[in-house]
Amino acid sequence: MAEVILDIGGRQHRIACRDGSEDQVRRTGAMVQQRWSAAVQASGGLNTERSMLFVALMLADTLDEIERTPGVARSRDEPLLASVADRLDAIALALEQAIPKP
């Protein structure tokens, strides 16, 4: 089992992943970090958990937009989109578990 350290919102998070999937985890982590500032602003900066929810909503919105794009061959892309959604869920769960509870 491999491990990747993601820096999101100025905090480091250790993420366990399958050997060979480190680059994929880094890419998806970069997607989260890319949206972090907007998520913090949208959440009012209240807490990390709420900001992470906004990141998840932004990513889900992007995925929904892709799925609704005319001409996308859904039968071919559905397994890929489901896989991306599963990976995003796993990353969000790992980040939530890394957040210390008050």
C-alpha atoms as a PDB file:
ATOM      1  CA  MET A   1       0.000   0.000   0.000  1.00  0.00           C
ATOM      2  CA  ALA A   2       1.369   3.367  -1.017  1.00  0.00           C
ATOM      3  CA  GLU A   3       0.945   6.684   0.734  1.00  0.00           C
ATOM      4  CA  VAL A   4       0.659  10.186  -0.656  1.00  0.00           C
ATOM      5  CA  ILE A   5       0.799  13.449   1.262  1.00  0.00           C
ATOM      6  CA  LEU A   6      -1.602  16.074  -0.051  1.00  0.00           C
ATOM      7  CA  ASP A   7      -1.383  19.730   0.921  1.00  0.00           C
ATOM      8  CA  ILE A   8      -4.904  21.121   0.915  1.00  0.00           C
ATOM      9  CA  GLY A   9      -5.799  24.420   2.495  1.00  0.00           C
ATOM     10  CA  GLY A  10      -2.371  24.728   4.066  1.00  0.00           C
ATOM     11  CA  ARG A  11      -2.706  21.394   5.886  1.00  0.00           C
ATOM     12  CA  GLN A  12      -1.003  18.149   5.041  1.00  0.00           C
ATOM     13  CA  HIS A  13      -3.052  14.965   4.765  1.00  0.00           C
ATOM     14  CA  ARG A  14      -1.646  11.446   4.463  1.00  0.00           C
ATOM     15  CA  ILE A  15      -3.688   9.385   2.018  1.00  0.00           C
ATOM     16  CA  ALA A  16      -3.226   5.636   1.650  1.00  0.00           C
ATOM     17  CA  CYS A  17      -3.713   4.318  -1.869  1.00  0.00           C
ATOM     18  CA  ARG A  18      -2.982   1.324  -4.058  1.00  0.00           C
ATOM     19  CA  ASP A  19       0.564   0.983  -5.320  1.00  0.00           C
ATOM     20  CA  GLY A  20       0.805   2.683  -8.689  1.00  0.00           C
ATOM     21  CA  SER A  21      -2.114   5.059  -8.097  1.00  0.00           C
ATOM     22  CA  GLU A  22      -0.065   7.781  -6.418  1.00  0.00           C
ATOM     23  CA  ASP A  23      -0.169  10.103  -9.440  1.00  0.00           C
ATOM     24  CA  GLN A  24      -3.951   9.723  -9.687  1.00  0.00           C
ATOM     25  CA  VAL A  25      -4.343  10.662  -6.015  1.00  0.00           C
ATOM     26  CA  ARG A  26      -2.044  13.670  -6.505  1.00  0.00           C
ATOM     27  CA  ARG A  27      -4.081  14.815  -9.536  1.00  0.00           C
ATOM     28  CA  THR A  28      -7.389  14.539  -7.700  1.00  0.00           C
ATOM     29  CA  GLY A  29      -5.857  16.221  -4.669  1.00  0.00           C
ATOM     30  CA  ALA A  30      -4.766  19.069  -6.921  1.00  0.00           C
ATOM     31  CA  MET A  31      -8.376  19.378  -8.102  1.00  0.00           C
ATOM     32  CA  VAL A  32      -9.469  19.811  -4.487  1.00  0.00           C
ATOM     33  CA  GLN A  33      -6.701  22.329  -3.745  1.00  0.00           C
ATOM     34  CA  GLN A  34      -7.560  24.272  -6.909  1.00  0.00           C
ATOM     35  CA  ARG A  35     -11.093  24.827  -5.592  1.00  0.00           C
ATOM     36  CA  TRP A  36     -10.132  25.332  -1.948  1.00  0.00           C
ATOM     37  CA  SER A  37     -10.056  29.158  -1.880  1.00  0.00           C
ATOM     38  CA  ALA A  38     -13.476  29.426  -3.504  1.00  0.00           C
ATOM     39  CA  ALA A  39     -14.847  26.797  -1.115  1.00  0.00           C
ATOM     40  CA  VAL A  40     -13.524  28.609   1.953  1.00  0.00           C
ATOM     41  CA  GLN A  41     -15.072  31.829   0.685  1.00  0.00           C
ATOM     42  CA  ALA A  42     -18.402  30.109  -0.096  1.00  0.00           C
ATOM     43  CA  SER A  43     -18.504  28.477   3.339  1.00  0.00           C
ATOM     44  CA  GLY A  44     -17.799  31.761   5.069  1.00  0.00           C
ATOM     45  CA  GLY A  45     -14.569  30.302   6.426  1.00  0.00           C
ATOM     46  CA  LEU A  46     -16.569  28.666   9.222  1.00  0.00           C
ATOM     47  CA  ASN A  47     -14.712  25.371   9.357  1.00  0.00           C
ATOM     48  CA  THR A  48     -12.717  22.911   7.314  1.00  0.00           C
ATOM     49  CA  GLU A  49     -15.511  20.340   7.157  1.00  0.00           C
ATOM     50  CA  ARG A  50     -17.940  22.834   5.625  1.00  0.00           C
ATOM     51  CA  SER A  51     -15.274  24.006   3.169  1.00  0.00           C
ATOM     52  CA  MET A  52     -14.671  20.389   2.147  1.00  0.00           C
ATOM     53  CA  LEU A  53     -18.416  20.000   1.567  1.00  0.00           C
ATOM     54  CA  PHE A  54     -18.299  22.970  -0.794  1.00  0.00           C
ATOM     55  CA  VAL A  55     -15.323  21.466  -2.655  1.00  0.00           C
ATOM     56  CA  ALA A  56     -17.276  18.216  -3.031  1.00  0.00           C
ATOM     57  CA  LEU A  57     -20.285  20.140  -4.335  1.00  0.00           C
ATOM     58  CA  MET A  58     -18.116  22.018  -6.840  1.00  0.00           C
ATOM     59  CA  LEU A  59     -16.591  18.771  -8.100  1.00  0.00           C
ATOM     60  CA  ALA A  60     -19.999  17.092  -8.246  1.00  0.00           C
ATOM     61  CA  ASP A  61     -21.318  20.070 -10.219  1.00  0.00           C
ATOM     62  CA  THR A  62     -18.453  19.696 -12.695  1.00  0.00           C
ATOM     63  CA  LEU A  63     -19.137  15.978 -13.011  1.00  0.00           C
ATOM     64  CA  ASP A  64     -22.860  16.645 -13.501  1.00  0.00           C
ATOM     65  CA  GLU A  65     -22.063  19.176 -16.218  1.00  0.00           C
ATOM     66  CA  ILE A  66     -19.891  16.624 -18.016  1.00  0.00           C
ATOM     67  CA  GLU A  67     -22.608  13.983 -17.766  1.00  0.00           C
ATOM     68  CA  ARG A  68     -25.176  16.389 -19.247  1.00  0.00           C
ATOM     69  CA  THR A  69     -22.960  17.457 -22.152  1.00  0.00           C
ATOM     70  CA  PRO A  70     -24.616  16.453 -25.437  1.00  0.00           C
ATOM     71  CA  GLY A  71     -22.629  13.997 -27.488  1.00  0.00           C
ATOM     72  CA  VAL A  72     -20.825  12.364 -24.585  1.00  0.00           C
ATOM     73  CA  ALA A  73     -20.881   8.623 -25.145  1.00  0.00           C
ATOM     74  CA  ARG A  74     -22.375   7.718 -21.794  1.00  0.00           C
ATOM     75  CA  SER A  75     -22.252   3.969 -22.220  1.00  0.00           C
ATOM     76  CA  ARG A  76     -18.491   4.136 -22.648  1.00  0.00           C
ATOM     77  CA  ASP A  77     -17.878   6.887 -20.080  1.00  0.00           C
ATOM     78  CA  GLU A  78     -20.239   5.824 -17.284  1.00  0.00           C
ATOM     79  CA  PRO A  79     -17.754   3.389 -15.688  1.00  0.00           C
ATOM     80  CA  LEU A  80     -15.051   6.065 -15.847  1.00  0.00           C
ATOM     81  CA  LEU A  81     -17.315   8.715 -14.314  1.00  0.00           C
ATOM     82  CA  ALA A  82     -18.439   6.297 -11.600  1.00  0.00           C
ATOM     83  CA  SER A  83     -14.796   5.507 -10.863  1.00  0.00           C
ATOM     84  CA  VAL A  84     -13.937   9.209 -10.606  1.00  0.00           C
ATOM     85  CA  ALA A  85     -16.911   9.783  -8.291  1.00  0.00           C
ATOM     86  CA  ASP A  86     -15.838   6.836  -6.104  1.00  0.00           C
ATOM     87  CA  ARG A  87     -12.289   8.167  -5.889  1.00  0.00           C
ATOM     88  CA  LEU A  88     -13.507  11.661  -4.979  1.00  0.00           C
ATOM     89  CA  ASP A  89     -15.720  10.155  -2.276  1.00  0.00           C
ATOM     90  CA  ALA A  90     -12.753   8.216  -0.892  1.00  0.00           C
ATOM     91  CA  ILE A  91     -10.553  11.307  -0.844  1.00  0.00           C
ATOM     92  CA  ALA A  92     -13.258  13.379   0.847  1.00  0.00           C
ATOM     93  CA  LEU A  93     -13.746  10.657   3.477  1.00  0.00           C
ATOM     94  CA  ALA A  94     -10.001  10.422   4.123  1.00  0.00           C
ATOM     95  CA  LEU A  95      -9.750  14.191   4.506  1.00  0.00           C
ATOM     96  CA  GLU A  96     -12.761  14.286   6.849  1.00  0.00           C
ATOM     97  CA  GLN A  97     -11.172  11.583   9.012  1.00  0.00           C
ATOM     98  CA  ALA A  98      -7.934  13.573   9.148  1.00  0.00           C
ATOM     99  CA  ILE A  99      -9.717  16.612  10.589  1.00  0.00           C
ATOM    100  CA  PRO A 100      -9.459  16.675  14.392  1.00  0.00           C
ATOM    101  CA  LYS A 101     -12.872  16.652  16.073  1.00  0.00           C
ATOM    102  CA  PRO A 102     -13.493  19.421  18.659  1.00  0.00           C
END
